[in-house]
Amino acid sequence: MKFKNIVPTLLLIVSTTASAATLEGKAIRVIDGDTIVVLSEAHHKYRVRLANIDCPEKRQPWGNKAKRATSKLVGNKPVVVEWQKLDRYSRLIGTVYQVGANVNRALVAEGHCWVYEKYNQDGQLPDLQVQAKAQNKGLWKLPEYDRTPPWEWRKKRKEK
């Protein structure tokens, strides 16, 4: 994290409750399917990692399509982020809403990502994933050998 970003982050953290915090702003950049940049109403930029899901990496099959799907849902639009913590990369981990719709759930329902089972705390996501897979949506229409969950793909890349 750059020093100039520490103060806005600390202000955001201080102004929150112990259980969850809310960030309102505009999604000004989509980094990949599950990471966006939000410009707050106070004109501070925050990286947000969508909680409970894991989209394919850019170099994976469906990675660019997942990014485009996220862009379509939130790109250059107002969003509300309910977040609980910062990750080791100083990103807010949270659920993103656009006009009241849960973007994290929409991405799973449309087949653009996996439920991140290791971290999932949203009881509706597994059923949405089962439905997307049964309906052959999104990445679920890829051949099985191209459907490597991102956490396994990243692990294999580190081993090389």
N, C-alpha and C. Protein backbone atom coordinates (compact mmCIF):
# COMPACT_ATOMS: atom_id res chain seq x y z
N MET A 1 0.85 -1.18 0.00
CA MET A 1 0.00 0.00 0.00
C MET A 1 0.89 1.23 0.00
N LYS A 2 0.59 2.17 -0.85
CA LYS A 2 1.34 3.42 -0.88
C LYS A 2 0.94 4.27 0.30
N PHE A 3 1.93 5.06 0.79
CA PHE A 3 1.69 5.87 1.98
C PHE A 3 0.49 6.78 1.83
N LYS A 4 0.31 7.40 0.65
CA LYS A 4 -0.80 8.33 0.49
C LYS A 4 -2.15 7.64 0.64
N ASN A 5 -2.19 6.31 0.51
CA ASN A 5 -3.44 5.57 0.65
C ASN A 5 -3.72 5.15 2.09
N ILE A 6 -2.73 5.27 2.95
CA ILE A 6 -2.90 4.83 4.33
C ILE A 6 -3.92 5.69 5.07
N VAL A 7 -3.83 7.00 4.93
CA VAL A 7 -4.72 7.89 5.67
C VAL A 7 -6.18 7.65 5.31
N PRO A 8 -6.56 7.62 4.00
CA PRO A 8 -7.98 7.36 3.71
C PRO A 8 -8.43 5.99 4.22
N THR A 9 -7.55 5.00 4.13
CA THR A 9 -7.90 3.67 4.62
C THR A 9 -8.12 3.71 6.13
N LEU A 10 -7.24 4.37 6.85
CA LEU A 10 -7.40 4.46 8.29
C LEU A 10 -8.67 5.23 8.65
N LEU A 11 -8.96 6.29 7.92
CA LEU A 11 -10.19 7.04 8.18
C LEU A 11 -11.41 6.17 7.95
N LEU A 12 -11.37 5.37 6.90
CA LEU A 12 -12.50 4.48 6.61
C LEU A 12 -12.65 3.45 7.72
N ILE A 13 -11.53 2.89 8.17
CA ILE A 13 -11.59 1.87 9.22
C ILE A 13 -12.11 2.48 10.52
N VAL A 14 -11.63 3.65 10.86
CA VAL A 14 -12.04 4.29 12.11
C VAL A 14 -13.52 4.62 12.09
N SER A 15 -14.07 4.90 10.92
CA SER A 15 -15.47 5.32 10.85
C SER A 15 -16.45 4.15 10.72
N THR A 16 -16.01 2.96 11.04
CA THR A 16 -16.85 1.78 10.86
C THR A 16 -17.19 1.14 12.19
N THR A 17 -18.15 0.22 12.11
CA THR A 17 -18.48 -0.56 13.28
C THR A 17 -17.59 -1.78 13.32
N ALA A 18 -17.65 -2.53 14.41
CA ALA A 18 -16.80 -3.71 14.57
C ALA A 18 -17.20 -4.83 13.63
N SER A 19 -18.46 -4.96 13.27
CA SER A 19 -18.91 -6.11 12.48
C SER A 19 -18.80 -5.89 10.98
N ALA A 20 -19.23 -4.78 10.47
CA ALA A 20 -19.18 -4.53 9.04
C ALA A 20 -19.17 -3.03 8.79
N ALA A 21 -18.64 -2.68 7.63
CA ALA A 21 -18.58 -1.27 7.26
C ALA A 21 -19.15 -1.12 5.86
N THR A 22 -19.50 0.10 5.53
CA THR A 22 -20.07 0.37 4.22
C THR A 22 -19.24 1.44 3.52
N LEU A 23 -18.96 1.17 2.27
CA LEU A 23 -18.28 2.13 1.41
C LEU A 23 -19.21 2.41 0.24
N GLU A 24 -19.48 3.68 0.00
CA GLU A 24 -20.29 4.07 -1.16
C GLU A 24 -19.40 4.83 -2.10
N GLY A 25 -19.56 4.56 -3.39
CA GLY A 25 -18.75 5.25 -4.37
C GLY A 25 -19.08 4.79 -5.77
N LYS A 26 -18.11 4.95 -6.64
CA LYS A 26 -18.27 4.58 -8.05
C LYS A 26 -17.17 3.60 -8.42
N ALA A 27 -17.55 2.51 -9.08
CA ALA A 27 -16.56 1.53 -9.55
C ALA A 27 -15.87 2.13 -10.77
N ILE A 28 -14.64 2.58 -10.59
CA ILE A 28 -13.95 3.28 -11.68
C ILE A 28 -13.01 2.37 -12.46
N ARG A 29 -12.75 1.18 -11.95
CA ARG A 29 -11.86 0.25 -12.66
C ARG A 29 -12.19 -1.17 -12.26
N VAL A 30 -12.16 -2.07 -13.22
CA VAL A 30 -12.29 -3.50 -12.95
C VAL A 30 -10.94 -4.11 -13.26
N ILE A 31 -10.28 -4.61 -12.23
CA ILE A 31 -8.94 -5.18 -12.39
C ILE A 31 -9.03 -6.57 -12.98
N ASP A 32 -9.92 -7.36 -12.40
CA ASP A 32 -10.24 -8.69 -12.93
C ASP A 32 -11.65 -9.03 -12.46
N GLY A 33 -12.08 -10.26 -12.67
CA GLY A 33 -13.46 -10.61 -12.36
C GLY A 33 -13.88 -10.40 -10.92
N ASP A 34 -12.94 -10.48 -10.00
CA ASP A 34 -13.31 -10.36 -8.59
C ASP A 34 -12.58 -9.24 -7.84
N THR A 35 -12.00 -8.29 -8.57
CA THR A 35 -11.33 -7.17 -7.92
C THR A 35 -11.64 -5.89 -8.70
N ILE A 36 -12.10 -4.89 -7.96
CA ILE A 36 -12.45 -3.61 -8.58
C ILE A 36 -11.81 -2.47 -7.78
N VAL A 37 -11.81 -1.28 -8.36
CA VAL A 37 -11.38 -0.07 -7.67
C VAL A 37 -12.60 0.83 -7.54
N VAL A 38 -12.85 1.27 -6.32
CA VAL A 38 -13.99 2.14 -6.04
C VAL A 38 -13.47 3.51 -5.62
N LEU A 39 -14.02 4.55 -6.24
CA LEU A 39 -13.74 5.93 -5.86
C LEU A 39 -14.83 6.34 -4.89
N SER A 40 -14.43 6.63 -3.66
CA SER A 40 -15.42 7.01 -2.64
C SER A 40 -15.97 8.40 -2.90
N GLU A 41 -17.03 8.71 -2.19
CA GLU A 41 -17.62 10.04 -2.30
C GLU A 41 -16.65 11.11 -1.84
N ALA A 42 -15.67 10.73 -1.00
CA ALA A 42 -14.64 11.66 -0.54
C ALA A 42 -13.43 11.67 -1.48
N HIS A 43 -13.57 11.01 -2.62
CA HIS A 43 -12.54 10.97 -3.67
C HIS A 43 -11.28 10.22 -3.28
N HIS A 44 -11.44 9.16 -2.49
CA HIS A 44 -10.35 8.24 -2.19
C HIS A 44 -10.59 6.96 -2.96
N LYS A 45 -9.51 6.34 -3.44
CA LYS A 45 -9.62 5.09 -4.19
C LYS A 45 -9.37 3.91 -3.26
N TYR A 46 -10.23 2.90 -3.40
CA TYR A 46 -10.10 1.67 -2.61
C TYR A 46 -10.17 0.46 -3.54
N ARG A 47 -9.24 -0.46 -3.35
CA ARG A 47 -9.32 -1.73 -4.05
C ARG A 47 -10.26 -2.62 -3.26
N VAL A 48 -11.16 -3.27 -3.97
CA VAL A 48 -12.15 -4.13 -3.33
C VAL A 48 -12.07 -5.51 -3.95
N ARG A 49 -11.89 -6.51 -3.11
CA ARG A 49 -11.90 -7.91 -3.53
C ARG A 49 -13.28 -8.46 -3.16
N LEU A 50 -14.02 -8.95 -4.16
CA LEU A 50 -15.36 -9.46 -3.92
C LEU A 50 -15.27 -10.71 -3.04
N ALA A 51 -15.97 -10.69 -1.93
CA ALA A 51 -15.92 -11.76 -0.94
C ALA A 51 -16.60 -13.02 -1.45
N ASN A 52 -16.15 -14.14 -0.97
CA ASN A 52 -16.80 -15.45 -1.12
C ASN A 52 -16.71 -16.06 -2.52
N ILE A 53 -16.12 -15.36 -3.48
CA ILE A 53 -16.04 -15.89 -4.84
C ILE A 53 -14.60 -15.84 -5.34
N ASP A 54 -14.32 -16.60 -6.38
CA ASP A 54 -13.01 -16.57 -7.01
C ASP A 54 -13.21 -16.74 -8.51
N CYS A 55 -12.93 -15.68 -9.26
CA CYS A 55 -13.06 -15.72 -10.72
C CYS A 55 -11.78 -16.26 -11.33
N PRO A 56 -11.87 -16.82 -12.53
CA PRO A 56 -10.66 -17.28 -13.21
C PRO A 56 -9.68 -16.11 -13.38
N GLU A 57 -8.40 -16.43 -13.28
CA GLU A 57 -7.37 -15.42 -13.51
C GLU A 57 -7.39 -15.00 -14.98
N LYS A 58 -6.83 -13.84 -15.27
CA LYS A 58 -6.88 -13.31 -16.64
C LYS A 58 -6.31 -14.29 -17.67
N ARG A 59 -5.27 -15.03 -17.30
CA ARG A 59 -4.65 -15.96 -18.25
C ARG A 59 -5.32 -17.33 -18.28
N GLN A 60 -6.33 -17.52 -17.47
CA GLN A 60 -7.10 -18.77 -17.46
C GLN A 60 -8.24 -18.68 -18.46
N PRO A 61 -8.70 -19.84 -18.94
CA PRO A 61 -9.92 -19.82 -19.74
C PRO A 61 -11.04 -19.15 -18.93
N TRP A 62 -11.77 -18.31 -19.57
CA TRP A 62 -12.90 -17.54 -19.05
C TRP A 62 -12.48 -16.33 -18.21
N GLY A 63 -11.20 -16.13 -17.99
CA GLY A 63 -10.74 -15.01 -17.17
C GLY A 63 -11.15 -13.66 -17.72
N ASN A 64 -10.94 -13.45 -19.02
CA ASN A 64 -11.32 -12.17 -19.62
C ASN A 64 -12.83 -12.00 -19.70
N LYS A 65 -13.54 -13.10 -19.88
CA LYS A 65 -15.01 -13.01 -19.92
C LYS A 65 -15.55 -12.67 -18.53
N ALA A 66 -14.93 -13.21 -17.49
CA ALA A 66 -15.34 -12.86 -16.12
C ALA A 66 -15.11 -11.38 -15.86
N LYS A 67 -13.97 -10.87 -16.32
CA LYS A 67 -13.68 -9.45 -16.15
C LYS A 67 -14.71 -8.60 -16.88
N ARG A 68 -15.05 -8.98 -18.11
CA ARG A 68 -16.06 -8.23 -18.87
C ARG A 68 -17.42 -8.29 -18.18
N ALA A 69 -17.76 -9.45 -17.60
CA ALA A 69 -19.05 -9.57 -16.90
C ALA A 69 -19.10 -8.63 -15.70
N THR A 70 -18.01 -8.56 -14.96
CA THR A 70 -17.94 -7.64 -13.81
C THR A 70 -18.03 -6.20 -14.29
N SER A 71 -17.33 -5.89 -15.38
CA SER A 71 -17.40 -4.54 -15.94
C SER A 71 -18.81 -4.17 -16.34
N LYS A 72 -19.51 -5.12 -16.92
CA LYS A 72 -20.90 -4.86 -17.34
C LYS A 72 -21.80 -4.58 -16.13
N LEU A 73 -21.55 -5.29 -15.03
CA LEU A 73 -22.37 -5.13 -13.83
C LEU A 73 -22.06 -3.85 -13.06
N VAL A 74 -20.78 -3.47 -12.97
CA VAL A 74 -20.42 -2.35 -12.09
C VAL A 74 -19.61 -1.25 -12.74
N GLY A 75 -19.07 -1.46 -13.92
CA GLY A 75 -18.15 -0.51 -14.53
C GLY A 75 -18.71 0.89 -14.66
N ASN A 76 -18.01 1.84 -14.02
CA ASN A 76 -18.38 3.25 -14.07
C ASN A 76 -19.77 3.53 -13.50
N LYS A 77 -20.17 2.69 -12.56
CA LYS A 77 -21.50 2.82 -11.94
C LYS A 77 -21.36 3.00 -10.43
N PRO A 78 -22.38 3.58 -9.80
CA PRO A 78 -22.35 3.69 -8.34
C PRO A 78 -22.51 2.31 -7.71
N VAL A 79 -21.74 2.08 -6.65
CA VAL A 79 -21.80 0.82 -5.93
C VAL A 79 -21.79 1.07 -4.43
N VAL A 80 -22.26 0.09 -3.71
CA VAL A 80 -22.16 0.06 -2.25
C VAL A 80 -21.40 -1.22 -1.91
N VAL A 81 -20.41 -1.10 -1.06
CA VAL A 81 -19.61 -2.26 -0.64
C VAL A 81 -19.79 -2.45 0.85
N GLU A 82 -20.27 -3.62 1.23
CA GLU A 82 -20.31 -4.00 2.65
C GLU A 82 -19.10 -4.87 2.88
N TRP A 83 -18.20 -4.39 3.73
CA TRP A 83 -16.95 -5.12 3.94
C TRP A 83 -16.67 -5.35 5.41
N GLN A 84 -15.85 -6.40 5.68
CA GLN A 84 -15.53 -6.76 7.06
C GLN A 84 -14.07 -6.57 7.41
N LYS A 85 -13.17 -6.71 6.41
CA LYS A 85 -11.73 -6.65 6.74
C LYS A 85 -10.91 -6.29 5.53
N LEU A 86 -9.63 -6.03 5.80
CA LEU A 86 -8.64 -5.84 4.75
C LEU A 86 -7.87 -7.14 4.60
N ASP A 87 -7.51 -7.49 3.37
CA ASP A 87 -6.69 -8.68 3.19
C ASP A 87 -5.21 -8.30 3.23
N ARG A 88 -4.35 -9.26 3.00
CA ARG A 88 -2.90 -9.02 3.10
C ARG A 88 -2.39 -8.07 2.01
N TYR A 89 -3.21 -7.82 0.99
CA TYR A 89 -2.85 -6.88 -0.07
C TYR A 89 -3.51 -5.51 0.14
N SER A 90 -4.06 -5.29 1.31
CA SER A 90 -4.74 -4.04 1.68
C SER A 90 -6.00 -3.77 0.86
N ARG A 91 -6.63 -4.82 0.38
CA ARG A 91 -7.91 -4.68 -0.33
C ARG A 91 -9.04 -4.86 0.68
N LEU A 92 -10.12 -4.14 0.48
CA LEU A 92 -11.32 -4.37 1.28
C LEU A 92 -11.94 -5.67 0.77
N ILE A 93 -12.35 -6.55 1.66
CA ILE A 93 -13.02 -7.79 1.28
C ILE A 93 -14.50 -7.58 1.55
N GLY A 94 -15.31 -7.62 0.48
CA GLY A 94 -16.71 -7.32 0.73
C GLY A 94 -17.67 -7.76 -0.35
N THR A 95 -18.91 -7.52 -0.05
CA THR A 95 -20.00 -7.79 -0.99
C THR A 95 -20.34 -6.48 -1.68
N VAL A 96 -20.42 -6.54 -3.00
CA VAL A 96 -20.66 -5.35 -3.80
C VAL A 96 -22.11 -5.36 -4.28
N TYR A 97 -22.75 -4.21 -4.15
CA TYR A 97 -24.13 -4.04 -4.60
C TYR A 97 -24.17 -2.93 -5.64
N GLN A 98 -24.95 -3.15 -6.67
CA GLN A 98 -25.18 -2.12 -7.68
C GLN A 98 -26.69 -2.02 -7.85
N VAL A 99 -27.25 -0.89 -7.52
CA VAL A 99 -28.70 -0.67 -7.50
C VAL A 99 -29.38 -1.78 -6.70
N GLY A 100 -28.82 -2.09 -5.55
CA GLY A 100 -29.40 -3.08 -4.66
C GLY A 100 -29.15 -4.53 -5.01
N ALA A 101 -28.64 -4.81 -6.19
CA ALA A 101 -28.40 -6.20 -6.61
C ALA A 101 -27.03 -6.64 -6.10
N ASN A 102 -26.98 -7.86 -5.57
CA ASN A 102 -25.74 -8.44 -5.06
C ASN A 102 -24.90 -8.92 -6.23
N VAL A 103 -23.82 -8.21 -6.52
CA VAL A 103 -22.95 -8.50 -7.66
C VAL A 103 -22.22 -9.82 -7.47
N ASN A 104 -21.77 -10.11 -6.26
CA ASN A 104 -21.07 -11.37 -5.99
C ASN A 104 -21.96 -12.55 -6.38
N ARG A 105 -23.22 -12.51 -5.94
CA ARG A 105 -24.15 -13.59 -6.27
C ARG A 105 -24.45 -13.64 -7.76
N ALA A 106 -24.58 -12.47 -8.39
CA ALA A 106 -24.88 -12.43 -9.83
C ALA A 106 -23.76 -13.10 -10.63
N LEU A 107 -22.52 -12.87 -10.24
CA LEU A 107 -21.39 -13.48 -10.96
C LEU A 107 -21.40 -15.00 -10.84
N VAL A 108 -21.77 -15.50 -9.66
CA VAL A 108 -21.88 -16.96 -9.48
C VAL A 108 -23.06 -17.49 -10.28
N ALA A 109 -24.21 -16.82 -10.19
CA ALA A 109 -25.42 -17.27 -10.88
C ALA A 109 -25.25 -17.29 -12.39
N GLU A 110 -24.42 -16.37 -12.92
CA GLU A 110 -24.18 -16.31 -14.36
C GLU A 110 -23.04 -17.24 -14.80
N GLY A 111 -22.41 -17.90 -13.83
CA GLY A 111 -21.35 -18.85 -14.16
C GLY A 111 -20.00 -18.24 -14.46
N HIS A 112 -19.71 -17.06 -13.90
CA HIS A 112 -18.45 -16.40 -14.18
C HIS A 112 -17.38 -16.67 -13.13
N CYS A 113 -17.73 -17.40 -12.08
CA CYS A 113 -16.75 -17.65 -11.03
C CYS A 113 -17.16 -18.87 -10.20
N TRP A 114 -16.26 -19.25 -9.35
CA TRP A 114 -16.52 -20.33 -8.40
C TRP A 114 -16.85 -19.72 -7.04
N VAL A 115 -17.58 -20.46 -6.25
CA VAL A 115 -17.71 -20.12 -4.84
C VAL A 115 -16.35 -20.45 -4.23
N TYR A 116 -15.79 -19.51 -3.48
CA TYR A 116 -14.49 -19.72 -2.85
C TYR A 116 -14.74 -20.45 -1.53
N GLU A 117 -14.87 -21.76 -1.62
CA GLU A 117 -15.32 -22.59 -0.51
C GLU A 117 -14.52 -22.36 0.77
N LYS A 118 -13.23 -22.16 0.62
CA LYS A 118 -12.35 -21.98 1.79
C LYS A 118 -12.78 -20.76 2.63
N TYR A 119 -13.32 -19.74 1.97
CA TYR A 119 -13.66 -18.49 2.66
C TYR A 119 -15.14 -18.14 2.63
N ASN A 120 -15.95 -18.91 1.95
CA ASN A 120 -17.35 -18.54 1.75
C ASN A 120 -18.14 -18.44 3.06
N GLN A 121 -18.89 -17.34 3.17
CA GLN A 121 -19.78 -17.13 4.32
C GLN A 121 -21.19 -16.79 3.85
N ASP A 122 -21.46 -16.99 2.56
CA ASP A 122 -22.78 -16.70 2.01
C ASP A 122 -23.45 -18.02 1.66
N GLY A 123 -24.44 -18.40 2.45
CA GLY A 123 -25.11 -19.68 2.29
C GLY A 123 -25.86 -19.86 0.98
N GLN A 124 -26.15 -18.79 0.26
CA GLN A 124 -26.86 -18.90 -1.02
C GLN A 124 -25.95 -19.23 -2.20
N LEU A 125 -24.67 -18.93 -2.07
CA LEU A 125 -23.77 -19.10 -3.21
C LEU A 125 -23.64 -20.54 -3.70
N PRO A 126 -23.49 -21.55 -2.82
CA PRO A 126 -23.35 -22.91 -3.35
C PRO A 126 -24.53 -23.35 -4.22
N ASP A 127 -25.75 -22.99 -3.82
CA ASP A 127 -26.93 -23.35 -4.63
C ASP A 127 -26.91 -22.62 -5.97
N LEU A 128 -26.48 -21.36 -5.97
CA LEU A 128 -26.40 -20.61 -7.23
C LEU A 128 -25.37 -21.25 -8.17
N GLN A 129 -24.28 -21.72 -7.60
CA GLN A 129 -23.26 -22.38 -8.42
C GLN A 129 -23.77 -23.69 -9.00
N VAL A 130 -24.48 -24.47 -8.19
CA VAL A 130 -25.06 -25.73 -8.66
C VAL A 130 -26.02 -25.46 -9.81
N GLN A 131 -26.84 -24.44 -9.68
CA GLN A 131 -27.79 -24.08 -10.74
C GLN A 131 -27.08 -23.64 -12.01
N ALA A 132 -26.05 -22.80 -11.88
CA ALA A 132 -25.31 -22.33 -13.05
C ALA A 132 -24.66 -23.50 -13.77
N LYS A 133 -24.10 -24.41 -12.99
CA LYS A 133 -23.45 -25.59 -13.58
C LYS A 133 -24.48 -26.47 -14.29
N ALA A 134 -25.63 -26.70 -13.66
CA ALA A 134 -26.69 -27.53 -14.25
C ALA A 134 -27.23 -26.91 -15.53
N GLN A 135 -27.24 -25.57 -15.59
CA GLN A 135 -27.76 -24.86 -16.77
C GLN A 135 -26.67 -24.58 -17.80
N ASN A 136 -25.45 -25.08 -17.52
CA ASN A 136 -24.35 -24.92 -18.46
C ASN A 136 -24.05 -23.45 -18.77
N LYS A 137 -24.08 -22.61 -17.72
CA LYS A 137 -23.86 -21.18 -17.90
C LYS A 137 -22.38 -20.84 -17.74
N GLY A 138 -21.97 -19.82 -18.47
CA GLY A 138 -20.64 -19.27 -18.29
C GLY A 138 -19.54 -20.29 -18.43
N LEU A 139 -18.63 -20.28 -17.48
CA LEU A 139 -17.47 -21.16 -17.53
C LEU A 139 -17.86 -22.64 -17.47
N TRP A 140 -19.07 -22.92 -17.05
CA TRP A 140 -19.51 -24.32 -16.94
C TRP A 140 -19.77 -24.95 -18.30
N LYS A 141 -19.76 -24.14 -19.36
CA LYS A 141 -19.89 -24.72 -20.70
C LYS A 141 -18.52 -25.05 -21.29
N LEU A 142 -17.45 -24.68 -20.59
CA LEU A 142 -16.11 -25.04 -21.04
C LEU A 142 -15.87 -26.55 -20.86
N PRO A 143 -14.96 -27.12 -21.65
CA PRO A 143 -14.60 -28.52 -21.39
C PRO A 143 -14.06 -28.66 -19.96
N GLU A 144 -14.28 -29.78 -19.35
CA GLU A 144 -13.90 -29.96 -17.95
C GLU A 144 -12.41 -29.66 -17.70
N TYR A 145 -11.53 -30.00 -18.65
CA TYR A 145 -10.10 -29.76 -18.44
C TYR A 145 -9.76 -28.26 -18.41
N ASP A 146 -10.65 -27.41 -18.91
CA ASP A 146 -10.45 -25.96 -18.86
C ASP A 146 -11.10 -25.31 -17.64
N ARG A 147 -11.71 -26.12 -16.77
CA ARG A 147 -12.41 -25.58 -15.59
C ARG A 147 -11.61 -25.85 -14.32
N THR A 148 -10.42 -25.31 -14.26
CA THR A 148 -9.60 -25.45 -13.06
C THR A 148 -9.91 -24.29 -12.13
N PRO A 149 -10.34 -24.57 -10.91
CA PRO A 149 -10.60 -23.46 -9.98
C PRO A 149 -9.34 -22.60 -9.83
N PRO A 150 -9.51 -21.29 -9.74
CA PRO A 150 -8.37 -20.38 -9.71
C PRO A 150 -7.36 -20.67 -8.60
N TRP A 151 -7.82 -21.09 -7.42
CA TRP A 151 -6.90 -21.36 -6.32
C TRP A 151 -6.00 -22.55 -6.68
N GLU A 152 -6.51 -23.53 -7.42
CA GLU A 152 -5.68 -24.65 -7.87
C GLU A 152 -4.74 -24.20 -8.98
N TRP A 153 -5.22 -23.37 -9.88
CA TRP A 153 -4.41 -22.85 -10.97
C TRP A 153 -3.23 -22.04 -10.43
N ARG A 154 -3.49 -21.17 -9.44
CA ARG A 154 -2.43 -20.36 -8.84
C ARG A 154 -1.40 -21.25 -8.15
N LYS A 155 -1.87 -22.27 -7.46
CA LYS A 155 -0.96 -23.18 -6.75
C LYS A 155 -0.04 -23.89 -7.74
N LYS A 156 -0.58 -24.36 -8.86
CA LYS A 156 0.22 -25.04 -9.88
C LYS A 156 1.26 -24.08 -10.46
N ARG A 157 0.88 -22.83 -10.66
CA ARG A 157 1.81 -21.84 -11.23
C ARG A 157 2.96 -21.56 -10.27
N LYS A 158 2.68 -21.56 -8.96
CA LYS A 158 3.74 -21.34 -7.97
C LYS A 158 4.73 -22.50 -7.93
N GLU A 159 4.22 -23.71 -8.15
CA GLU A 159 5.05 -24.91 -8.08
C GLU A 159 6.04 -24.99 -9.23
N LYS A 160 5.77 -24.28 -10.32
CA LYS A 160 6.66 -24.34 -11.49
C LYS A 160 7.92 -23.56 -11.30
